[in-house]
Amino acid sequence: MINEPSVDALVRKLGSDEAPVSRYELCVAIAKRTRQVIEQMQATGTTELPGKQKEIVLACQEVMNGKFKITRD
């Protein structure tokens, strides 16, 4: 279970006042980024992330650090 960052904090960070993000959009974005991380790890032959953290935790931290945003088509 991921406690930090909280879902509410991730929703606020990913969205804006003009274009709020739903929990569903957050879930889809985090899942997509997690799959990208796993694919990158497989391509480079990496078996573990630093600190033995999970790929989904890394994706959530990237959202909080502003490393990626949702783009709507």
C-alpha atoms as a PDB file:
ATOM      1  CA  MET A   1       0.000   0.000   0.000  1.00  0.00           C
ATOM      2  CA  ILE A   2       1.313   3.424  -0.937  1.00  0.00           C
ATOM      3  CA  ASN A   3       0.801   6.047   1.755  1.00  0.00           C
ATOM      4  CA  GLU A   4       3.112   8.762   0.539  1.00  0.00           C
ATOM      5  CA  PRO A   5       2.377  10.632  -1.596  1.00  0.00           C
ATOM      6  CA  SER A   6      -1.348  10.511  -0.954  1.00  0.00           C
ATOM      7  CA  VAL A   7      -3.855  10.118  -3.772  1.00  0.00           C
ATOM      8  CA  ASP A   8      -5.325  13.547  -3.046  1.00  0.00           C
ATOM      9  CA  ALA A   9      -1.884  15.151  -3.260  1.00  0.00           C
ATOM     10  CA  LEU A  10      -1.214  13.403  -6.581  1.00  0.00           C
ATOM     11  CA  VAL A  11      -4.582  14.538  -7.985  1.00  0.00           C
ATOM     12  CA  ARG A  12      -3.859  18.153  -6.975  1.00  0.00           C
ATOM     13  CA  LYS A  13      -0.321  18.026  -8.381  1.00  0.00           C
ATOM     14  CA  LEU A  14      -1.312  16.501 -11.721  1.00  0.00           C
ATOM     15  CA  GLY A  15      -4.332  18.719 -12.344  1.00  0.00           C
ATOM     16  CA  SER A  16      -5.030  22.424 -12.200  1.00  0.00           C
ATOM     17  CA  ASP A  17      -7.934  24.640 -11.211  1.00  0.00           C
ATOM     18  CA  GLU A  18      -8.953  25.008 -14.856  1.00  0.00           C
ATOM     19  CA  ALA A  19      -8.527  21.317 -15.712  1.00  0.00           C
ATOM     20  CA  PRO A  20      -8.881  19.121 -12.645  1.00  0.00           C
ATOM     21  CA  VAL A  21      -7.760  15.506 -12.867  1.00  0.00           C
ATOM     22  CA  SER A  22     -10.007  12.667 -11.763  1.00  0.00           C
ATOM     23  CA  ARG A  23      -8.789   9.695  -9.772  1.00  0.00           C
ATOM     24  CA  TYR A  24      -9.391   7.558 -12.845  1.00  0.00           C
ATOM     25  CA  GLU A  25      -7.086   9.746 -14.961  1.00  0.00           C
ATOM     26  CA  LEU A  26      -4.490   9.584 -12.207  1.00  0.00           C
ATOM     27  CA  CYS A  27      -4.714   5.797 -12.125  1.00  0.00           C
ATOM     28  CA  VAL A  28      -4.313   5.522 -15.897  1.00  0.00           C
ATOM     29  CA  ALA A  29      -1.352   7.924 -15.940  1.00  0.00           C
ATOM     30  CA  ILE A  30       0.448   6.173 -13.076  1.00  0.00           C
ATOM     31  CA  ALA A  31      -0.161   2.740 -14.652  1.00  0.00           C
ATOM     32  CA  LYS A  32       1.179   3.930 -18.005  1.00  0.00           C
ATOM     33  CA  ARG A  33       4.302   5.434 -16.447  1.00  0.00           C
ATOM     34  CA  THR A  34       4.839   2.282 -14.366  1.00  0.00           C
ATOM     35  CA  ARG A  35       4.748   0.159 -17.535  1.00  0.00           C
ATOM     36  CA  GLN A  36       7.276   2.523 -19.146  1.00  0.00           C
ATOM     37  CA  VAL A  37       9.614   2.149 -16.160  1.00  0.00           C
ATOM     38  CA  ILE A  38       9.345  -1.649 -16.329  1.00  0.00           C
ATOM     39  CA  GLU A  39      10.068  -1.624 -20.074  1.00  0.00           C
ATOM     40  CA  GLN A  40      13.104   0.621 -19.533  1.00  0.00           C
ATOM     41  CA  MET A  41      14.385  -1.693 -16.815  1.00  0.00           C
ATOM     42  CA  GLN A  42      13.986  -4.732 -19.080  1.00  0.00           C
ATOM     43  CA  ALA A  43      15.756  -2.976 -21.957  1.00  0.00           C
ATOM     44  CA  THR A  44      18.745  -2.067 -19.797  1.00  0.00           C
ATOM     45  CA  GLY A  45      18.838  -5.349 -17.884  1.00  0.00           C
ATOM     46  CA  THR A  46      18.201  -3.661 -14.545  1.00  0.00           C
ATOM     47  CA  THR A  47      16.587  -5.936 -11.980  1.00  0.00           C
ATOM     48  CA  GLU A  48      16.039  -3.524  -9.079  1.00  0.00           C
ATOM     49  CA  LEU A  49      15.443   0.143  -8.539  1.00  0.00           C
ATOM     50  CA  PRO A  50      17.586   2.023  -6.010  1.00  0.00           C
ATOM     51  CA  GLY A  51      16.427   1.390  -2.462  1.00  0.00           C
ATOM     52  CA  LYS A  52      14.452  -1.647  -3.635  1.00  0.00           C
ATOM     53  CA  GLN A  53      11.465   0.580  -4.296  1.00  0.00           C
ATOM     54  CA  LYS A  54       8.657  -0.569  -6.543  1.00  0.00           C
ATOM     55  CA  GLU A  55       8.100   0.822 -10.016  1.00  0.00           C
ATOM     56  CA  ILE A  56       4.710   2.281  -9.078  1.00  0.00           C
ATOM     57  CA  VAL A  57       6.256   4.196  -6.181  1.00  0.00           C
ATOM     58  CA  LEU A  58       8.796   5.707  -8.570  1.00  0.00           C
ATOM     59  CA  ALA A  59       5.974   6.770 -10.919  1.00  0.00           C
ATOM     60  CA  CYS A  60       4.089   8.433  -8.032  1.00  0.00           C
ATOM     61  CA  GLN A  61       7.223  10.254  -6.901  1.00  0.00           C
ATOM     62  CA  GLU A  62       7.796  11.489 -10.447  1.00  0.00           C
ATOM     63  CA  VAL A  63       4.309  13.011 -10.452  1.00  0.00           C
ATOM     64  CA  MET A  64       4.995  14.779  -7.156  1.00  0.00           C
ATOM     65  CA  ASN A  65       8.328  16.066  -8.479  1.00  0.00           C
ATOM     66  CA  GLY A  66       6.656  17.416 -11.627  1.00  0.00           C
ATOM     67  CA  LYS A  67       8.596  15.141 -13.990  1.00  0.00           C
ATOM     68  CA  PHE A  68       5.538  14.338 -16.106  1.00  0.00           C
ATOM     69  CA  LYS A  69       2.071  15.661 -16.772  1.00  0.00           C
ATOM     70  CA  ILE A  70      -1.125  14.428 -18.369  1.00  0.00           C
ATOM     71  CA  THR A  71      -1.841  15.569 -21.894  1.00  0.00           C
ATOM     72  CA  ARG A  72      -5.379  15.310 -23.157  1.00  0.00           C
ATOM     73  CA  ASP A  73      -6.166  14.626 -26.801  1.00  0.00           C
END
